[in-house]
Amino acid sequence: MATLKKRINISVSDAVEQAVALLAKRDDVPQATKVTELLELALELEEDTFFGLIARERLSKKVSWKSHSEAWK
């Protein structure tokens, strides 16, 4: 059966395979689905880290702070 999803072949340790198998069984989903969910979560965390670094850099520059009421006059 054809699929629109791309396939990625990876090699994992026995411990990782066992963890994925347990999580997939717990959630009653195929292992491939569980790996996809975990990978999507990891990518979101990486994105959050990246944007956090940008925010930290911006906050390190000299800025002037205004109160909420001053900003919305």
PDB file of N, CA and C in Angstrom:
ATOM      1  N   MET A   1       0.852  -1.178   0.000  1.00  0.00           N
ATOM      2  CA  MET A   1       0.000   0.000   0.000  1.00  0.00           C
ATOM      3  C   MET A   1       0.893   1.235   0.000  1.00  0.00           C
ATOM      4  N   ALA A   2       0.614   2.162  -0.889  1.00  0.00           N
ATOM      5  CA  ALA A   2       1.395   3.395  -0.995  1.00  0.00           C
ATOM      6  C   ALA A   2       1.033   4.336   0.136  1.00  0.00           C
ATOM      7  N   THR A   3       2.013   5.137   0.519  1.00  0.00           N
ATOM      8  CA  THR A   3       1.780   6.111   1.580  1.00  0.00           C
ATOM      9  C   THR A   3       2.410   7.437   1.195  1.00  0.00           C
ATOM     10  N   LEU A   4       1.856   8.510   1.689  1.00  0.00           N
ATOM     11  CA  LEU A   4       2.408   9.837   1.428  1.00  0.00           C
ATOM     12  C   LEU A   4       3.513  10.190   2.414  1.00  0.00           C
ATOM     13  N   LYS A   5       3.624   9.400   3.478  1.00  0.00           N
ATOM     14  CA  LYS A   5       4.629   9.655   4.498  1.00  0.00           C
ATOM     15  C   LYS A   5       5.990   9.186   4.024  1.00  0.00           C
ATOM     16  N   LYS A   6       7.027   9.894   4.414  1.00  0.00           N
ATOM     17  CA  LYS A   6       8.399   9.506   4.102  1.00  0.00           C
ATOM     18  C   LYS A   6       8.880   8.496   5.122  1.00  0.00           C
ATOM     19  N   ARG A   7       9.695   7.565   4.696  1.00  0.00           N
ATOM     20  CA  ARG A   7      10.257   6.562   5.590  1.00  0.00           C
ATOM     21  C   ARG A   7      11.693   6.937   5.916  1.00  0.00           C
ATOM     22  N   ILE A   8      12.051   6.759   7.179  1.00  0.00           N
ATOM     23  CA  ILE A   8      13.411   6.995   7.642  1.00  0.00           C
ATOM     24  C   ILE A   8      13.857   5.733   8.368  1.00  0.00           C
ATOM     25  N   ASN A   9      14.955   5.177   7.946  1.00  0.00           N
ATOM     26  CA  ASN A   9      15.493   3.989   8.605  1.00  0.00           C
ATOM     27  C   ASN A   9      16.536   4.427   9.627  1.00  0.00           C
ATOM     28  N   ILE A  10      16.385   3.987  10.862  1.00  0.00           N
ATOM     29  CA  ILE A  10      17.340   4.315  11.908  1.00  0.00           C
ATOM     30  C   ILE A  10      17.704   3.056  12.680  1.00  0.00           C
ATOM     31  N   SER A  11      18.854   3.104  13.299  1.00  0.00           N
ATOM     32  CA  SER A  11      19.282   2.015  14.180  1.00  0.00           C
ATOM     33  C   SER A  11      19.253   2.538  15.605  1.00  0.00           C
ATOM     34  N   VAL A  12      18.654   1.774  16.506  1.00  0.00           N
ATOM     35  CA  VAL A  12      18.562   2.188  17.906  1.00  0.00           C
ATOM     36  C   VAL A  12      19.102   1.078  18.794  1.00  0.00           C
ATOM     37  N   SER A  13      19.456   1.455  19.993  1.00  0.00           N
ATOM     38  CA  SER A  13      19.937   0.466  20.958  1.00  0.00           C
ATOM     39  C   SER A  13      18.774  -0.409  21.422  1.00  0.00           C
ATOM     40  N   ASP A  14      19.123  -1.517  22.034  1.00  0.00           N
ATOM     41  CA  ASP A  14      18.084  -2.409  22.568  1.00  0.00           C
ATOM     42  C   ASP A  14      17.228  -1.695  23.611  1.00  0.00           C
ATOM     43  N   ALA A  15      17.871  -0.858  24.418  1.00  0.00           N
ATOM     44  CA  ALA A  15      17.138  -0.145  25.470  1.00  0.00           C
ATOM     45  C   ALA A  15      16.111   0.809  24.868  1.00  0.00           C
ATOM     46  N   VAL A  16      16.482   1.504  23.812  1.00  0.00           N
ATOM     47  CA  VAL A  16      15.547   2.429  23.158  1.00  0.00           C
ATOM     48  C   VAL A  16      14.406   1.645  22.519  1.00  0.00           C
ATOM     49  N   GLU A  17      14.725   0.550  21.870  1.00  0.00           N
ATOM     50  CA  GLU A  17      13.687  -0.265  21.240  1.00  0.00           C
ATOM     51  C   GLU A  17      12.709  -0.797  22.274  1.00  0.00           C
ATOM     52  N   GLN A  18      13.219  -1.229  23.411  1.00  0.00           N
ATOM     53  CA  GLN A  18      12.344  -1.742  24.472  1.00  0.00           C
ATOM     54  C   GLN A  18      11.461  -0.630  25.039  1.00  0.00           C
ATOM     55  N   ALA A  19      12.038   0.552  25.204  1.00  0.00           N
ATOM     56  CA  ALA A  19      11.258   1.681  25.722  1.00  0.00           C
ATOM     57  C   ALA A  19      10.143   2.057  24.754  1.00  0.00           C
ATOM     58  N   VAL A  20      10.468   2.118  23.469  1.00  0.00           N
ATOM     59  CA  VAL A  20       9.453   2.447  22.463  1.00  0.00           C
ATOM     60  C   VAL A  20       8.371   1.369  22.439  1.00  0.00           C
ATOM     61  N   ALA A  21       8.779   0.112  22.532  1.00  0.00           N
ATOM     62  CA  ALA A  21       7.802  -0.980  22.521  1.00  0.00           C
ATOM     63  C   ALA A  21       6.850  -0.867  23.715  1.00  0.00           C
ATOM     64  N   LEU A  22       7.388  -0.572  24.885  1.00  0.00           N
ATOM     65  CA  LEU A  22       6.539  -0.430  26.078  1.00  0.00           C
ATOM     66  C   LEU A  22       5.590   0.760  25.959  1.00  0.00           C
ATOM     67  N   LEU A  23       6.103   1.881  25.475  1.00  0.00           N
ATOM     68  CA  LEU A  23       5.255   3.068  25.315  1.00  0.00           C
ATOM     69  C   LEU A  23       4.168   2.829  24.279  1.00  0.00           C
ATOM     70  N   ALA A  24       4.519   2.184  23.181  1.00  0.00           N
ATOM     71  CA  ALA A  24       3.540   1.904  22.135  1.00  0.00           C
ATOM     72  C   ALA A  24       2.450   0.962  22.655  1.00  0.00           C
ATOM     73  N   LYS A  25       2.868  -0.041  23.410  1.00  0.00           N
ATOM     74  CA  LYS A  25       1.892  -0.979  23.974  1.00  0.00           C
ATOM     75  C   LYS A  25       0.986  -0.261  24.977  1.00  0.00           C
ATOM     76  N   ARG A  26       1.591   0.579  25.825  1.00  0.00           N
ATOM     77  CA  ARG A  26       0.806   1.327  26.810  1.00  0.00           C
ATOM     78  C   ARG A  26      -0.267   2.182  26.138  1.00  0.00           C
ATOM     79  N   ASP A  27       0.120   2.827  25.027  1.00  0.00           N
ATOM     80  CA  ASP A  27      -0.794   3.742  24.338  1.00  0.00           C
ATOM     81  C   ASP A  27      -1.609   3.051  23.247  1.00  0.00           C
ATOM     82  N   ASP A  28      -1.389   1.739  23.087  1.00  0.00           N
ATOM     83  CA  ASP A  28      -2.114   0.942  22.098  1.00  0.00           C
ATOM     84  C   ASP A  28      -1.997   1.536  20.692  1.00  0.00           C
ATOM     85  N   VAL A  29      -0.751   1.831  20.308  1.00  0.00           N
ATOM     86  CA  VAL A  29      -0.457   2.344  18.971  1.00  0.00           C
ATOM     87  C   VAL A  29       0.735   1.561  18.413  1.00  0.00           C
ATOM     88  N   PRO A  30       0.900   1.563  17.100  1.00  0.00           N
ATOM     89  CA  PRO A  30       2.083   0.916  16.528  1.00  0.00           C
ATOM     90  C   PRO A  30       3.365   1.637  16.962  1.00  0.00           C
ATOM     91  N   GLN A  31       4.456   0.897  16.971  1.00  0.00           N
ATOM     92  CA  GLN A  31       5.736   1.498  17.369  1.00  0.00           C
ATOM     93  C   GLN A  31       6.093   2.677  16.475  1.00  0.00           C
ATOM     94  N   ALA A  32       5.832   2.575  15.178  1.00  0.00           N
ATOM     95  CA  ALA A  32       6.159   3.671  14.261  1.00  0.00           C
ATOM     96  C   ALA A  32       5.388   4.938  14.623  1.00  0.00           C
ATOM     97  N   THR A  33       4.139   4.778  15.025  1.00  0.00           N
ATOM     98  CA  THR A  33       3.332   5.934  15.434  1.00  0.00           C
ATOM     99  C   THR A  33       3.905   6.566  16.696  1.00  0.00           C
ATOM    100  N   LYS A  34       4.310   5.744  17.651  1.00  0.00           N
ATOM    101  CA  LYS A  34       4.876   6.258  18.895  1.00  0.00           C
ATOM    102  C   LYS A  34       6.186   6.987  18.618  1.00  0.00           C
ATOM    103  N   VAL A  35       7.025   6.417  17.762  1.00  0.00           N
ATOM    104  CA  VAL A  35       8.294   7.075  17.421  1.00  0.00           C
ATOM    105  C   VAL A  35       8.025   8.416  16.746  1.00  0.00           C
ATOM    106  N   THR A  36       7.038   8.465  15.863  1.00  0.00           N
ATOM    107  CA  THR A  36       6.685   9.722  15.200  1.00  0.00           C
ATOM    108  C   THR A  36       6.236  10.765  16.219  1.00  0.00           C
ATOM    109  N   GLU A  37       5.391  10.361  17.175  1.00  0.00           N
ATOM    110  CA  GLU A  37       4.938  11.286  18.218  1.00  0.00           C
ATOM    111  C   GLU A  37       6.110  11.809  19.038  1.00  0.00           C
ATOM    112  N   LEU A  38       7.013  10.913  19.416  1.00  0.00           N
ATOM    113  CA  LEU A  38       8.169  11.312  20.218  1.00  0.00           C
ATOM    114  C   LEU A  38       9.101  12.232  19.439  1.00  0.00           C
ATOM    115  N   LEU A  39       9.285  11.965  18.161  1.00  0.00           N
ATOM    116  CA  LEU A  39      10.137  12.800  17.331  1.00  0.00           C
ATOM    117  C   LEU A  39       9.534  14.194  17.167  1.00  0.00           C
ATOM    118  N   GLU A  40       8.224  14.264  16.972  1.00  0.00           N
ATOM    119  CA  GLU A  40       7.558  15.568  16.864  1.00  0.00           C
ATOM    120  C   GLU A  40       7.718  16.356  18.158  1.00  0.00           C
ATOM    121  N   LEU A  41       7.580  15.697  19.300  1.00  0.00           N
ATOM    122  CA  LEU A  41       7.766  16.360  20.586  1.00  0.00           C
ATOM    123  C   LEU A  41       9.197  16.866  20.739  1.00  0.00           C
ATOM    124  N   ALA A  42      10.158  16.045  20.343  1.00  0.00           N
ATOM    125  CA  ALA A  42      11.568  16.449  20.432  1.00  0.00           C
ATOM    126  C   ALA A  42      11.844  17.665  19.550  1.00  0.00           C
ATOM    127  N   LEU A  43      11.253  17.706  18.370  1.00  0.00           N
ATOM    128  CA  LEU A  43      11.441  18.855  17.479  1.00  0.00           C
ATOM    129  C   LEU A  43      10.830  20.121  18.073  1.00  0.00           C
ATOM    130  N   GLU A  44       9.689  19.997  18.723  1.00  0.00           N
ATOM    131  CA  GLU A  44       9.079  21.153  19.392  1.00  0.00           C
ATOM    132  C   GLU A  44       9.977  21.662  20.512  1.00  0.00           C
ATOM    133  N   LEU A  45      10.573  20.754  21.268  1.00  0.00           N
ATOM    134  CA  LEU A  45      11.485  21.163  22.346  1.00  0.00           C
ATOM    135  C   LEU A  45      12.718  21.862  21.789  1.00  0.00           C
ATOM    136  N   GLU A  46      13.253  21.366  20.686  1.00  0.00           N
ATOM    137  CA  GLU A  46      14.400  22.006  20.042  1.00  0.00           C
ATOM    138  C   GLU A  46      14.024  23.408  19.571  1.00  0.00           C
ATOM    139  N   GLU A  47      12.828  23.541  19.003  1.00  0.00           N
ATOM    140  CA  GLU A  47      12.360  24.844  18.543  1.00  0.00           C
ATOM    141  C   GLU A  47      12.224  25.804  19.719  1.00  0.00           C
ATOM    142  N   ASP A  48      11.659  25.335  20.819  1.00  0.00           N
ATOM    143  CA  ASP A  48      11.519  26.175  22.013  1.00  0.00           C
ATOM    144  C   ASP A  48      12.877  26.633  22.526  1.00  0.00           C
ATOM    145  N   THR A  49      13.852  25.732  22.516  1.00  0.00           N
ATOM    146  CA  THR A  49      15.202  26.084  22.959  1.00  0.00           C
ATOM    147  C   THR A  49      15.793  27.156  22.064  1.00  0.00           C
ATOM    148  N   PHE A  50      15.638  27.004  20.756  1.00  0.00           N
ATOM    149  CA  PHE A  50      16.163  27.973  19.797  1.00  0.00           C
ATOM    150  C   PHE A  50      15.550  29.351  20.023  1.00  0.00           C
ATOM    151  N   PHE A  51      14.222  29.409  20.130  1.00  0.00           N
ATOM    152  CA  PHE A  51      13.576  30.704  20.325  1.00  0.00           C
ATOM    153  C   PHE A  51      13.888  31.280  21.700  1.00  0.00           C
ATOM    154  N   GLY A  52      14.127  30.422  22.680  1.00  0.00           N
ATOM    155  CA  GLY A  52      14.548  30.889  23.999  1.00  0.00           C
ATOM    156  C   GLY A  52      15.899  31.577  23.942  1.00  0.00           C
ATOM    157  N   LEU A  53      16.813  31.037  23.147  1.00  0.00           N
ATOM    158  CA  LEU A  53      18.120  31.668  22.983  1.00  0.00           C
ATOM    159  C   LEU A  53      18.000  33.035  22.320  1.00  0.00           C
ATOM    160  N   ILE A  54      17.135  33.144  21.333  1.00  0.00           N
ATOM    161  CA  ILE A  54      16.912  34.431  20.680  1.00  0.00           C
ATOM    162  C   ILE A  54      16.342  35.432  21.681  1.00  0.00           C
ATOM    163  N   ALA A  55      15.372  34.993  22.476  1.00  0.00           N
ATOM    164  CA  ALA A  55      14.758  35.878  23.464  1.00  0.00           C
ATOM    165  C   ALA A  55      15.782  36.324  24.503  1.00  0.00           C
ATOM    166  N   ARG A  56      16.623  35.408  24.970  1.00  0.00           N
ATOM    167  CA  ARG A  56      17.642  35.741  25.960  1.00  0.00           C
ATOM    168  C   ARG A  56      18.618  36.775  25.401  1.00  0.00           C
ATOM    169  N   GLU A  57      18.983  36.614  24.127  1.00  0.00           N
ATOM    170  CA  GLU A  57      19.896  37.577  23.501  1.00  0.00           C
ATOM    171  C   GLU A  57      19.257  38.953  23.420  1.00  0.00           C
ATOM    172  N   ARG A  58      17.991  39.000  23.047  1.00  0.00           N
ATOM    173  CA  ARG A  58      17.292  40.285  22.951  1.00  0.00           C
ATOM    174  C   ARG A  58      17.169  40.947  24.321  1.00  0.00           C
ATOM    175  N   LEU A  59      16.921  40.147  25.361  1.00  0.00           N
ATOM    176  CA  LEU A  59      16.768  40.712  26.697  1.00  0.00           C
ATOM    177  C   LEU A  59      18.091  41.174  27.293  1.00  0.00           C
ATOM    178  N   SER A  60      19.201  40.667  26.768  1.00  0.00           N
ATOM    179  CA  SER A  60      20.500  41.054  27.317  1.00  0.00           C
ATOM    180  C   SER A  60      20.928  42.435  26.833  1.00  0.00           C
ATOM    181  N   LYS A  61      20.301  42.946  25.796  1.00  0.00           N
ATOM    182  CA  LYS A  61      20.624  44.278  25.281  1.00  0.00           C
ATOM    183  C   LYS A  61      19.986  45.327  26.174  1.00  0.00           C
ATOM    184  N   LYS A  62      20.569  46.518  26.131  1.00  0.00           N
ATOM    185  CA  LYS A  62      20.029  47.606  26.942  1.00  0.00           C
ATOM    186  C   LYS A  62      18.637  47.967  26.424  1.00  0.00           C
ATOM    187  N   VAL A  63      17.682  47.884  27.312  1.00  0.00           N
ATOM    188  CA  VAL A  63      16.305  48.191  26.938  1.00  0.00           C
ATOM    189  C   VAL A  63      15.696  49.096  27.999  1.00  0.00           C
ATOM    190  N   SER A  64      14.667  49.773  27.611  1.00  0.00           N
ATOM    191  CA  SER A  64      13.920  50.562  28.592  1.00  0.00           C
ATOM    192  C   SER A  64      12.569  49.883  28.773  1.00  0.00           C
ATOM    193  N   TRP A  65      12.209  49.697  30.021  1.00  0.00           N
ATOM    194  CA  TRP A  65      10.968  49.006  30.338  1.00  0.00           C
ATOM    195  C   TRP A  65       9.876  50.017  30.623  1.00  0.00           C
ATOM    196  N   LYS A  66       8.681  49.718  30.173  1.00  0.00           N
ATOM    197  CA  LYS A  66       7.520  50.557  30.428  1.00  0.00           C
ATOM    198  C   LYS A  66       6.468  49.713  31.138  1.00  0.00           C
ATOM    199  N   SER A  67       5.747  50.356  32.006  1.00  0.00           N
ATOM    200  CA  SER A  67       4.684  49.644  32.690  1.00  0.00           C
ATOM    201  C   SER A  67       3.548  49.361  31.706  1.00  0.00           C
ATOM    202  N   HIS A  68       2.664  48.493  32.104  1.00  0.00           N
ATOM    203  CA  HIS A  68       1.526  48.147  31.255  1.00  0.00           C
ATOM    204  C   HIS A  68       0.696  49.394  30.943  1.00  0.00           C
ATOM    205  N   SER A  69       0.432  50.188  31.956  1.00  0.00           N
ATOM    206  CA  SER A  69      -0.401  51.381  31.741  1.00  0.00           C
ATOM    207  C   SER A  69       0.276  52.399  30.827  1.00  0.00           C
ATOM    208  N   GLU A  70       1.611  52.527  30.932  1.00  0.00           N
ATOM    209  CA  GLU A  70       2.319  53.443  30.027  1.00  0.00           C
ATOM    210  C   GLU A  70       2.279  52.943  28.586  1.00  0.00           C
ATOM    211  N   ALA A  71       2.398  51.666  28.400  1.00  0.00           N
ATOM    212  CA  ALA A  71       2.434  51.101  27.063  1.00  0.00           C
ATOM    213  C   ALA A  71       1.089  51.239  26.350  1.00  0.00           C
ATOM    214  N   TRP A  72       0.004  51.218  27.104  1.00  0.00           N
ATOM    215  CA  TRP A  72      -1.321  51.227  26.492  1.00  0.00           C
ATOM    216  C   TRP A  72      -2.051  52.557  26.636  1.00  0.00           C
ATOM    217  N   LYS A  73      -1.308  53.642  26.785  1.00  0.00           N
ATOM    218  CA  LYS A  73      -1.950  54.972  26.862  1.00  0.00           C
ATOM    219  C   LYS A  73      -2.569  55.345  25.553  1.00  0.00           C
TER     220      LYS A  73
END
